[in-house]
Amino acid sequence: MTSANTAGNPLQIIAQVNSDEDETDETTSFLQSASTPTSVSTSATAMASDKRPKEKKESPATEALSTFNQHMTTAAHACVLLFVILIIYFCFSGEFVFFSWHPLLLSIGWMFLMTEAILTISKENLFTGTLPKKVRVKLHWVFLTIAIVLILSGFTVAYLTKNYNNKEHFKSWHAIFGVAGIACSIPTCLDGIAALYHGDLRHYISPRINKFIHIMSGVTTFTFGGLALILSVYTNWFARHSNQNMITFILGLVLVTFPIVWTVIRPATTCLKQVKKLMKLE
């Protein structure tokens, strides 16, 4: 009787269905709450993996070019060091006179410190390439500051020697390119300071233009100084101290020319790219 009444009573049937739905909802809610930590963990892991910087796989050609550039930069380091050692040997192999300070200071200041200051920026530098950019930039301007002091001192020695011997100034291409490089180094130092604080000056000058000006003036300065260094191998001082030996002459010419050309290629290329961007040719 009871089951029959229940089956025949619509209100009791609806109540039974609602009771079953409540149990189902509780079960579903429990299962969802039990699985929530896993879902959150999985979601967090997925988000974390999305935020991880994706490593760019370089093509074999790019890797080969990077390796080649690294080897060439290392060779430039070696040539710079050997040339400076050669000049130091010449300075002290005979009588050390007042003028000997000129090649000594210029070889260390321009050939070594200024060249290394530029190569320090490169990521393909075997010695500084893995350092943070801020550290490389700091080494860059520290090397250049010391280099400028030595270069100006060496220039002063040559100028005073000319005066003492009553000789005319800036008659050779070696001297002309040298003084041109020193003259260009002044604005290079000034815009170098501006480039160092490009973030603070971005309201007055675009960081891109700021960097372009520094690279352009730096390339000009280093090119003039580099030409003076190359022509130093043709001077009477070098010929006298090398006993006019042809092998020593060729060795000195190679040791000074290769690192200068290799060092100026990268910033000069960057400068040309910046010119194209500024002129909107790309």
Protein backbone atom coordinates (compact mmCIF):
# COMPACT_ATOMS: atom_id res chain seq x y z
CA MET A 1 0.00 0.00 0.00
CA THR A 2 2.71 2.38 0.92
CA SER A 3 4.68 1.82 -2.27
CA ALA A 4 1.58 2.13 -4.29
CA ASN A 5 0.66 5.36 -2.59
CA THR A 6 4.14 6.68 -3.11
CA ALA A 7 4.15 5.79 -6.74
CA GLY A 8 0.79 7.36 -7.20
CA ASN A 9 1.51 10.59 -5.30
CA PRO A 10 3.07 13.20 -7.63
CA LEU A 11 4.38 15.37 -4.76
CA GLN A 12 6.33 12.49 -3.27
CA ILE A 13 7.79 11.62 -6.68
CA ILE A 14 9.02 15.21 -7.17
CA ALA A 15 10.52 15.26 -3.67
CA GLN A 16 12.36 12.01 -4.38
CA VAL A 17 13.77 13.39 -7.64
CA ASN A 18 14.95 16.58 -5.92
CA SER A 19 16.62 14.50 -3.22
CA ASP A 20 18.46 12.47 -5.87
CA GLU A 21 19.58 15.65 -7.65
CA ASP A 22 20.91 17.09 -4.39
CA GLU A 23 22.98 13.96 -3.80
CA THR A 24 24.29 14.15 -7.35
CA ASP A 25 25.25 17.82 -6.95
CA GLU A 26 27.06 17.08 -3.68
CA THR A 27 28.98 14.24 -5.31
CA THR A 28 29.89 16.38 -8.30
CA SER A 29 30.91 19.26 -6.06
CA PHE A 30 33.12 16.97 -4.00
CA LEU A 31 34.79 15.54 -7.08
CA GLN A 32 35.42 19.01 -8.48
CA SER A 33 36.86 20.29 -5.20
CA ALA A 34 39.09 17.24 -4.97
CA SER A 35 40.40 17.81 -8.47
CA THR A 36 40.84 21.60 -8.13
CA PRO A 37 44.43 21.58 -6.73
CA THR A 38 45.60 19.50 -9.66
CA SER A 39 43.92 21.86 -12.13
CA VAL A 40 45.38 24.93 -10.45
CA SER A 41 48.82 23.33 -10.32
CA THR A 42 48.62 22.35 -13.95
CA SER A 43 47.41 25.82 -14.92
CA ALA A 44 50.17 27.49 -12.91
CA THR A 45 52.77 25.23 -14.51
CA ALA A 46 51.41 26.02 -17.95
CA MET A 47 51.49 29.75 -17.25
CA ALA A 48 55.01 29.52 -15.88
CA SER A 49 56.16 27.61 -18.93
CA ASP A 50 54.57 30.23 -21.18
CA LYS A 51 56.48 32.98 -19.37
CA ARG A 52 59.82 31.23 -19.75
CA PRO A 53 61.93 32.84 -22.49
CA LYS A 54 61.99 30.61 -25.49
CA GLU A 55 65.51 29.78 -26.55
CA LYS A 56 66.12 30.72 -30.14
CA LYS A 57 67.82 28.01 -32.06
CA GLU A 58 70.38 29.50 -34.37
CA SER A 59 70.75 28.11 -37.84
CA PRO A 60 73.98 26.26 -38.70
CA ALA A 61 75.03 29.18 -40.91
CA THR A 62 74.51 31.68 -38.08
CA GLU A 63 76.44 29.51 -35.63
CA ALA A 64 79.27 29.12 -38.12
CA LEU A 65 79.42 32.88 -38.66
CA SER A 66 79.42 33.53 -34.91
CA THR A 67 82.26 31.03 -34.43
CA PHE A 68 84.21 32.64 -37.27
CA ASN A 69 83.75 36.11 -35.77
CA GLN A 70 84.89 34.85 -32.38
CA HIS A 71 88.06 33.37 -33.87
CA MET A 72 88.78 36.57 -35.79
CA THR A 73 88.26 38.68 -32.67
CA THR A 74 90.62 36.43 -30.73
CA ALA A 75 93.19 36.78 -33.51
CA ALA A 76 92.78 40.56 -33.29
CA HIS A 77 93.52 40.39 -29.54
CA ALA A 78 96.71 38.46 -30.27
CA CYS A 79 97.85 40.90 -32.97
CA VAL A 80 97.24 43.90 -30.71
CA LEU A 81 99.26 42.35 -27.92
CA LEU A 82 102.13 41.33 -30.20
CA PHE A 83 102.34 44.77 -31.82
CA VAL A 84 102.44 46.52 -28.45
CA ILE A 85 105.14 44.11 -27.25
CA LEU A 86 107.13 44.85 -30.42
CA ILE A 87 106.92 48.62 -29.87
CA ILE A 88 107.86 48.28 -26.19
CA TYR A 89 110.86 46.18 -27.22
CA PHE A 90 111.93 48.86 -29.71
CA CYS A 91 111.58 51.58 -27.06
CA PHE A 92 113.85 49.82 -24.57
CA SER A 93 116.19 47.96 -26.93
CA GLY A 94 118.31 51.06 -27.38
CA GLU A 95 118.71 54.32 -25.55
CA PHE A 96 115.43 55.46 -24.01
CA VAL A 97 115.07 59.14 -24.90
CA PHE A 98 112.27 61.61 -24.27
CA PHE A 99 110.62 60.92 -27.65
CA SER A 100 110.46 57.21 -26.80
CA TRP A 101 107.46 58.05 -24.64
CA HIS A 102 105.49 58.91 -27.80
CA PRO A 103 105.40 55.43 -29.40
CA LEU A 104 105.21 53.80 -25.97
CA LEU A 105 102.16 55.78 -24.79
CA LEU A 106 100.40 55.74 -28.17
CA SER A 107 100.83 52.00 -28.67
CA ILE A 108 99.40 51.26 -25.22
CA GLY A 109 96.76 53.98 -25.30
CA TRP A 110 95.47 53.76 -28.86
CA MET A 111 96.48 50.34 -30.13
CA PHE A 112 95.80 48.39 -26.95
CA LEU A 113 93.28 50.22 -24.76
CA MET A 114 91.16 51.87 -27.44
CA THR A 115 91.00 48.74 -29.60
CA GLU A 116 90.16 46.57 -26.62
CA ALA A 117 87.55 49.10 -25.47
CA ILE A 118 85.69 48.68 -28.75
CA LEU A 119 86.09 44.90 -28.84
CA THR A 120 84.82 44.69 -25.26
CA ILE A 121 81.31 45.60 -26.45
CA SER A 122 81.18 42.62 -28.82
CA LYS A 123 79.43 39.46 -27.65
CA GLU A 124 81.94 37.48 -29.68
CA ASN A 125 84.77 38.62 -27.44
CA LEU A 126 86.22 35.50 -25.85
CA PHE A 127 87.08 37.36 -22.65
CA THR A 128 84.09 39.65 -22.09
CA GLY A 129 81.35 38.27 -24.35
CA THR A 130 79.58 36.42 -21.53
CA LEU A 131 79.59 39.39 -19.16
CA PRO A 132 76.39 41.42 -18.62
CA LYS A 133 75.94 44.37 -20.95
CA LYS A 134 76.29 46.89 -18.11
CA VAL A 135 79.68 45.43 -17.18
CA ARG A 136 80.86 45.51 -20.79
CA VAL A 137 79.75 49.11 -21.19
CA LYS A 138 81.56 50.06 -17.99
CA LEU A 139 84.77 48.39 -19.19
CA HIS A 140 84.33 50.22 -22.49
CA TRP A 141 84.34 53.71 -21.02
CA VAL A 142 86.97 52.90 -18.36
CA PHE A 143 89.39 51.66 -21.04
CA LEU A 144 88.65 54.68 -23.22
CA THR A 145 89.17 57.15 -20.38
CA ILE A 146 92.61 55.72 -19.62
CA ALA A 147 93.38 55.57 -23.35
CA ILE A 148 92.58 59.26 -23.87
CA VAL A 149 94.92 60.26 -21.03
CA LEU A 150 97.79 58.22 -22.50
CA ILE A 151 97.09 59.42 -26.05
CA LEU A 152 97.12 63.09 -25.07
CA SER A 153 100.33 62.54 -23.12
CA GLY A 154 101.98 60.83 -26.09
CA PHE A 155 100.84 63.60 -28.42
CA THR A 156 102.30 66.21 -26.07
CA VAL A 157 105.65 64.40 -26.12
CA ALA A 158 105.77 64.48 -29.93
CA TYR A 159 104.75 68.14 -30.03
CA LEU A 160 107.40 69.20 -27.51
CA THR A 161 110.06 67.18 -29.32
CA LYS A 162 109.24 68.94 -32.59
CA ASN A 163 109.48 72.31 -30.88
CA TYR A 164 112.79 71.42 -29.26
CA ASN A 165 114.28 70.38 -32.60
CA ASN A 166 112.78 73.38 -34.44
CA LYS A 167 110.86 71.13 -36.83
CA GLU A 168 107.54 71.87 -38.50
CA HIS A 169 104.43 70.19 -37.16
CA PHE A 170 102.01 67.91 -39.01
CA LYS A 171 104.02 67.53 -42.21
CA SER A 172 103.57 63.76 -42.60
CA TRP A 173 100.35 61.80 -43.13
CA HIS A 174 101.15 59.95 -39.92
CA ALA A 175 101.02 63.21 -37.97
CA ILE A 176 97.98 64.57 -39.86
CA PHE A 177 95.86 61.48 -39.25
CA GLY A 178 97.07 61.36 -35.66
CA VAL A 179 96.04 64.90 -34.81
CA ALA A 180 92.75 64.38 -36.68
CA GLY A 181 92.03 61.36 -34.50
CA ILE A 182 92.82 63.29 -31.33
CA ALA A 183 90.62 66.18 -32.44
CA CYS A 184 87.73 63.80 -33.15
CA SER A 185 88.19 62.08 -29.79
CA ILE A 186 86.93 65.17 -27.95
CA PRO A 187 83.36 65.12 -29.37
CA THR A 188 83.44 61.32 -29.16
CA CYS A 189 84.03 61.53 -25.42
CA LEU A 190 81.26 64.11 -25.02
CA ASP A 191 78.64 62.17 -26.97
CA GLY A 192 79.88 59.04 -25.22
CA ILE A 193 78.77 60.58 -21.92
CA ALA A 194 75.42 61.39 -23.53
CA ALA A 195 75.12 57.80 -24.78
CA LEU A 196 75.96 56.50 -21.31
CA TYR A 197 73.01 58.42 -19.87
CA HIS A 198 70.70 57.98 -22.87
CA GLY A 199 67.86 56.92 -20.58
CA ASP A 200 67.91 60.19 -18.65
CA LEU A 201 68.22 62.20 -21.86
CA ARG A 202 65.48 60.43 -23.81
CA HIS A 203 63.16 63.44 -23.38
CA TYR A 204 65.69 65.64 -25.17
CA ILE A 205 67.16 63.28 -27.76
CA SER A 206 66.09 59.90 -29.08
CA PRO A 207 68.23 57.03 -27.68
CA ARG A 208 68.56 55.67 -31.22
CA ILE A 209 69.93 58.98 -32.54
CA ASN A 210 72.10 59.31 -29.43
CA LYS A 211 73.64 55.91 -30.05
CA PHE A 212 74.05 56.61 -33.76
CA ILE A 213 75.97 59.83 -33.10
CA HIS A 214 78.33 58.07 -30.69
CA ILE A 215 78.99 55.16 -33.05
CA MET A 216 79.56 57.48 -36.02
CA SER A 217 81.98 59.74 -34.14
CA GLY A 218 83.71 56.72 -32.60
CA VAL A 219 84.24 55.09 -36.00
CA THR A 220 85.64 58.36 -37.38
CA THR A 221 88.00 58.80 -34.43
CA PHE A 222 89.25 55.22 -34.47
CA THR A 223 89.71 55.25 -38.25
CA PHE A 224 91.92 58.36 -38.17
CA GLY A 225 93.93 56.99 -35.27
CA GLY A 226 94.16 53.59 -36.92
CA LEU A 227 95.56 55.11 -40.11
CA ALA A 228 98.16 56.95 -38.03
CA LEU A 229 99.14 53.67 -36.38
CA ILE A 230 99.44 51.88 -39.72
CA LEU A 231 101.60 54.70 -41.10
CA SER A 232 103.80 54.54 -38.00
CA VAL A 233 105.35 51.40 -39.48
CA TYR A 234 106.62 53.58 -42.35
CA THR A 235 108.29 56.16 -40.08
CA ASN A 236 112.02 56.64 -39.70
CA TRP A 237 111.72 55.68 -36.03
CA PHE A 238 110.33 52.23 -36.87
CA ALA A 239 112.86 51.71 -39.68
CA ARG A 240 115.75 52.68 -37.43
CA HIS A 241 114.71 50.42 -34.55
CA SER A 242 113.93 47.47 -36.84
CA ASN A 243 117.25 47.92 -38.65
CA GLN A 244 115.22 48.29 -41.86
CA ASN A 245 114.48 44.58 -41.77
CA MET A 246 111.80 43.72 -44.35
CA ILE A 247 110.42 40.79 -42.36
CA THR A 248 110.00 42.97 -39.27
CA PHE A 249 108.36 45.65 -41.40
CA ILE A 250 105.83 43.20 -42.89
CA LEU A 251 105.20 41.66 -39.48
CA GLY A 252 104.55 45.05 -37.92
CA LEU A 253 102.30 46.07 -40.81
CA VAL A 254 100.17 42.93 -40.51
CA LEU A 255 99.99 43.09 -36.72
CA VAL A 256 98.73 46.67 -36.76
CA THR A 257 96.49 46.56 -39.86
CA PHE A 258 94.43 43.44 -39.18
CA PRO A 259 93.06 44.35 -35.73
CA ILE A 260 92.30 47.93 -36.78
CA VAL A 261 90.34 46.82 -39.86
CA TRP A 262 88.54 44.04 -37.98
CA THR A 263 87.69 46.29 -35.04
CA VAL A 264 86.17 49.03 -37.17
CA ILE A 265 84.10 46.73 -39.43
CA ARG A 266 81.32 45.93 -36.93
CA PRO A 267 80.61 49.48 -35.66
CA ALA A 268 80.91 50.86 -39.19
CA THR A 269 78.33 48.33 -40.40
CA THR A 270 76.05 49.22 -37.49
CA CYS A 271 76.46 52.89 -38.35
CA LEU A 272 75.42 52.29 -41.96
CA LYS A 273 72.37 50.34 -40.81
CA GLN A 274 71.39 53.20 -38.52
CA VAL A 275 71.74 55.63 -41.44
CA LYS A 276 69.40 53.50 -43.53
CA LYS A 277 66.86 53.36 -40.72
CA LEU A 278 67.02 57.10 -40.14
CA MET A 279 66.58 57.74 -43.84
CA LYS A 280 63.78 55.14 -43.93
CA LEU A 281 65.38 53.25 -46.75
CA GLU A 282 64.54 49.90 -45.23
